[in-house]
C-alpha atoms as a PDB file:
ATOM      1  CA  SER A   1       0.000   0.000   0.000  1.00  0.00           C
ATOM      2  CA  VAL A   2       2.831   2.402   0.854  1.00  0.00           C
ATOM      3  CA  LEU A   3       4.655   1.422  -2.330  1.00  0.00           C
ATOM      4  CA  LEU A   4       1.493   1.977  -4.375  1.00  0.00           C
ATOM      5  CA  LYS A   5       0.974   5.431  -2.857  1.00  0.00           C
ATOM      6  CA  GLU A   6       4.609   6.282  -3.527  1.00  0.00           C
ATOM      7  CA  GLN A   7       4.276   5.160  -7.129  1.00  0.00           C
ATOM      8  CA  LEU A   8       1.093   7.202  -7.586  1.00  0.00           C
ATOM      9  CA  VAL A   9       2.872  10.300  -6.285  1.00  0.00           C
ATOM     10  CA  THR A  10       5.819   9.609  -8.587  1.00  0.00           C
ATOM     11  CA  ASN A  11       3.490   9.110 -11.567  1.00  0.00           C
ATOM     12  CA  LYS A  12       1.717  12.393 -10.811  1.00  0.00           C
ATOM     13  CA  LEU A  13       5.017  14.274 -10.590  1.00  0.00           C
ATOM     14  CA  LEU A  14       6.247  12.712 -13.826  1.00  0.00           C
ATOM     15  CA  GLN A  15       2.978  13.679 -15.540  1.00  0.00           C
ATOM     16  CA  GLU A  16       3.407  17.265 -14.316  1.00  0.00           C
ATOM     17  CA  GLU A  17       6.963  17.240 -15.659  1.00  0.00           C
ATOM     18  CA  LYS A  18       5.680  15.956 -19.014  1.00  0.00           C
ATOM     19  CA  VAL A  19       3.101  18.760 -19.183  1.00  0.00           C
ATOM     20  CA  SER A  20       5.807  21.286 -18.331  1.00  0.00           C
ATOM     21  CA  ARG A  21       8.135  19.944 -21.039  1.00  0.00           C
ATOM     22  CA  GLU A  22       5.308  19.960 -23.612  1.00  0.00           C
ATOM     23  CA  ALA A  23       4.562  23.594 -22.731  1.00  0.00           C
ATOM     24  CA  LEU A  24       8.241  24.433 -23.189  1.00  0.00           C
ATOM     25  CA  LEU A  25       8.258  22.679 -26.555  1.00  0.00           C
ATOM     26  CA  GLY A  26       5.144  24.674 -27.526  1.00  0.00           C
ATOM     27  CA  ARG A  27       6.924  27.917 -26.669  1.00  0.00           C
ATOM     28  CA  GLN A  28       9.895  26.805 -28.750  1.00  0.00           C
ATOM     29  CA  PHE A  29       7.555  26.192 -31.691  1.00  0.00           C
ATOM     30  CA  ASP A  30       6.113  29.683 -31.225  1.00  0.00           C
ATOM     31  CA  LEU A  31       9.620  31.144 -31.228  1.00  0.00           C
ATOM     32  CA  ILE A  32      10.547  29.192 -34.350  1.00  0.00           C
ATOM     33  CA  ALA A  33       7.348  30.420 -36.053  1.00  0.00           C
ATOM     34  CA  CYS A  34       8.254  33.993 -35.157  1.00  0.00           C
ATOM     35  CA  LEU A  35      11.776  33.505 -36.485  1.00  0.00           C
ATOM     36  CA  GLU A  36      10.368  31.865 -39.600  1.00  0.00           C
ATOM     37  CA  GLU A  37       8.259  34.932 -40.385  1.00  0.00           C
ATOM     38  CA  THR A  38      11.311  37.140 -39.957  1.00  0.00           C
ATOM     39  CA  THR A  39      13.299  34.726 -42.114  1.00  0.00           C
ATOM     40  CA  LYS A  40      10.717  34.923 -44.902  1.00  0.00           C
ATOM     41  CA  ARG A  41      10.876  38.718 -44.883  1.00  0.00           C
ATOM     42  CA  ILE A  42      14.673  38.714 -44.930  1.00  0.00           C
ATOM     43  CA  LYS A  43      14.784  36.156 -47.740  1.00  0.00           C
ATOM     44  CA  MET A  44      12.480  38.342 -49.818  1.00  0.00           C
ATOM     45  CA  ARG A  45      15.270  40.927 -49.860  1.00  0.00           C
ATOM     46  CA  SER A  46      17.970  40.425 -52.412  1.00  0.00           C
ATOM     47  CA  LYS A  47      20.287  37.682 -51.177  1.00  0.00           C
ATOM     48  CA  SER A  48      23.204  39.701 -52.442  1.00  0.00           C
ATOM     49  CA  LYS A  49      22.509  42.196 -49.648  1.00  0.00           C
ATOM     50  CA  LEU A  50      22.890  39.525 -46.946  1.00  0.00           C
ATOM     51  CA  THR A  51      26.232  38.819 -45.334  1.00  0.00           C
ATOM     52  CA  PRO A  52      27.551  35.243 -45.131  1.00  0.00           C
ATOM     53  CA  GLY A  53      26.835  35.357 -41.390  1.00  0.00           C
ATOM     54  CA  GLN A  54      23.198  36.307 -41.991  1.00  0.00           C
ATOM     55  CA  LEU A  55      22.807  33.545 -44.560  1.00  0.00           C
ATOM     56  CA  ASN A  56      24.346  31.078 -42.112  1.00  0.00           C
ATOM     57  CA  THR A  57      21.911  32.206 -39.390  1.00  0.00           C
ATOM     58  CA  LEU A  58      18.956  31.715 -41.737  1.00  0.00           C
ATOM     59  CA  ASP A  59      20.151  28.191 -42.540  1.00  0.00           C
ATOM     60  CA  ARG A  60      20.529  27.396 -38.827  1.00  0.00           C
ATOM     61  CA  ILE A  61      16.993  28.629 -38.120  1.00  0.00           C
ATOM     62  CA  ASP A  62      15.676  26.327 -40.861  1.00  0.00           C
ATOM     63  CA  GLU A  63      17.632  23.389 -39.403  1.00  0.00           C
ATOM     64  CA  ALA A  64      16.334  24.088 -35.868  1.00  0.00           C
ATOM     65  CA  ARG A  65      12.750  24.289 -37.075  1.00  0.00           C
ATOM     66  CA  ALA A  66      13.097  20.974 -38.917  1.00  0.00           C
ATOM     67  CA  ALA A  67      14.738  19.277 -35.917  1.00  0.00           C
ATOM     68  CA  ILE A  68      12.082  20.433 -33.447  1.00  0.00           C
ATOM     69  CA  SER A  69       9.304  19.445 -35.824  1.00  0.00           C
ATOM     70  CA  ASP A  70      10.898  16.018 -36.212  1.00  0.00           C
ATOM     71  CA  VAL A  71      11.080  15.486 -32.425  1.00  0.00           C
ATOM     72  CA  ARG A  72       7.411  16.262 -31.897  1.00  0.00           C
ATOM     73  CA  HIS A  73       6.384  13.357 -34.140  1.00  0.00           C
ATOM     74  CA  GLY A  74       8.873  10.833 -32.734  1.00  0.00           C
ATOM     75  CA  ASN A  75       8.153   7.727 -30.695  1.00  0.00           C
ATOM     76  CA  GLU A  76      10.139   5.152 -28.794  1.00  0.00           C
ATOM     77  CA  GLU A  77       9.897   2.686 -31.680  1.00  0.00           C
ATOM     78  CA  ASP A  78      12.507   4.814 -33.460  1.00  0.00           C
ATOM     79  CA  ILE A  79      15.135   3.651 -30.933  1.00  0.00           C
ATOM     80  CA  ASN A  80      17.177   0.549 -31.690  1.00  0.00           C
ATOM     81  CA  ILE A  81      19.030  -0.667 -28.569  1.00  0.00           C
ATOM     82  CA  GLN A  82      22.290  -2.482 -29.268  1.00  0.00           C
ATOM     83  CA  GLU A  83      25.133  -3.724 -27.052  1.00  0.00           C
ATOM     84  CA  LEU A  84      25.682  -2.921 -23.386  1.00  0.00           C
ATOM     85  CA  LEU A  85      28.336  -0.216 -22.905  1.00  0.00           C
ATOM     86  CA  ALA A  86      28.395   0.249 -19.141  1.00  0.00           C
ATOM     87  CA  GLU A  87      26.617  -0.732 -15.964  1.00  0.00           C
ATOM     88  CA  GLY A  88      26.402   1.104 -12.670  1.00  0.00           C
ATOM     89  CA  SER A  89      24.505   1.083  -9.408  1.00  0.00           C
ATOM     90  CA  PHE A  90      21.437   2.837 -10.882  1.00  0.00           C
ATOM     91  CA  GLY A  91      21.312   1.545 -14.424  1.00  0.00           C
ATOM     92  CA  LYS A  92      22.798   0.320 -17.642  1.00  0.00           C
ATOM     93  CA  VAL A  93      23.920   2.253 -20.700  1.00  0.00           C
ATOM     94  CA  TYR A  94      23.534   0.740 -24.142  1.00  0.00           C
ATOM     95  CA  ARG A  95      24.719   1.793 -27.577  1.00  0.00           C
ATOM     96  CA  GLY A  96      21.736   2.611 -29.747  1.00  0.00           C
ATOM     97  CA  GLN A  97      20.490   4.159 -32.954  1.00  0.00           C
ATOM     98  CA  TRP A  98      17.782   6.819 -33.086  1.00  0.00           C
ATOM     99  CA  ARG A  99      16.717   7.837 -36.565  1.00  0.00           C
ATOM    100  CA  GLY A 100      20.119   6.936 -37.960  1.00  0.00           C
ATOM    101  CA  THR A 101      22.074   8.738 -35.225  1.00  0.00           C
ATOM    102  CA  ASP A 102      24.316   6.933 -32.716  1.00  0.00           C
ATOM    103  CA  VAL A 103      23.011   7.533 -29.196  1.00  0.00           C
ATOM    104  CA  ALA A 104      23.489   6.285 -25.647  1.00  0.00           C
ATOM    105  CA  VAL A 105      20.384   4.725 -24.110  1.00  0.00           C
ATOM    106  CA  LYS A 106      20.281   4.710 -20.317  1.00  0.00           C
ATOM    107  CA  VAL A 107      17.981   2.247 -18.597  1.00  0.00           C
ATOM    108  CA  ILE A 108      17.472   3.278 -14.977  1.00  0.00           C
ATOM    109  CA  MET A 109      17.096   0.563 -12.331  1.00  0.00           C
ATOM    110  CA  LEU A 110      16.119   1.975  -8.955  1.00  0.00           C
ATOM    111  CA  PRO A 111      16.297   0.041  -5.676  1.00  0.00           C
ATOM    112  CA  LYS A 112      12.993  -0.792  -3.974  1.00  0.00           C
ATOM    113  CA  ASN A 113      14.149   0.780  -0.705  1.00  0.00           C
ATOM    114  CA  MET A 114      14.794   4.169  -2.332  1.00  0.00           C
ATOM    115  CA  SER A 115      12.361   6.925  -1.341  1.00  0.00           C
ATOM    116  CA  GLY A 116      10.024   8.483  -3.909  1.00  0.00           C
ATOM    117  CA  ARG A 117      11.965  11.734  -3.797  1.00  0.00           C
ATOM    118  CA  GLU A 118      15.268   9.975  -4.417  1.00  0.00           C
ATOM    119  CA  LYS A 119      13.739   8.066  -7.343  1.00  0.00           C
ATOM    120  CA  ARG A 120      12.436  11.263  -8.916  1.00  0.00           C
ATOM    121  CA  GLU A 121      15.841  12.923  -8.512  1.00  0.00           C
ATOM    122  CA  LYS A 122      17.571   9.992 -10.211  1.00  0.00           C
ATOM    123  CA  MET A 123      15.008   9.920 -13.038  1.00  0.00           C
ATOM    124  CA  VAL A 124      15.295  13.596 -14.012  1.00  0.00           C
ATOM    125  CA  VAL A 125      16.882  13.929 -17.436  1.00  0.00           C
ATOM    126  CA  TRP A 126      18.177  17.378 -18.382  1.00  0.00           C
END
């Protein structure tokens, strides 16, 4: 019963964190949209008037917009877990592939005697 209550609290906190992250992602989309409008106006000017630095910035904005858009539509099925790289007291790290990119995949294993707060602290990914 205590473990169930602790898990419910943890689930609620993780759900709140998810909502917070989704709100942050929404704000990033708004910022990208704002930058995109500015980009369109700048691109309408003659490209010969733009410096190489300005052109580079415009390209980076386009890349950021595409990357953020790509993340929003992702799911865990895109991850291919491969061999074990390392193992520690709180988890294992595997080599993996995510959409063609080499990544590290950490699987967290938390002890049963760890408090809910400690579990949440270990599970935070920045």
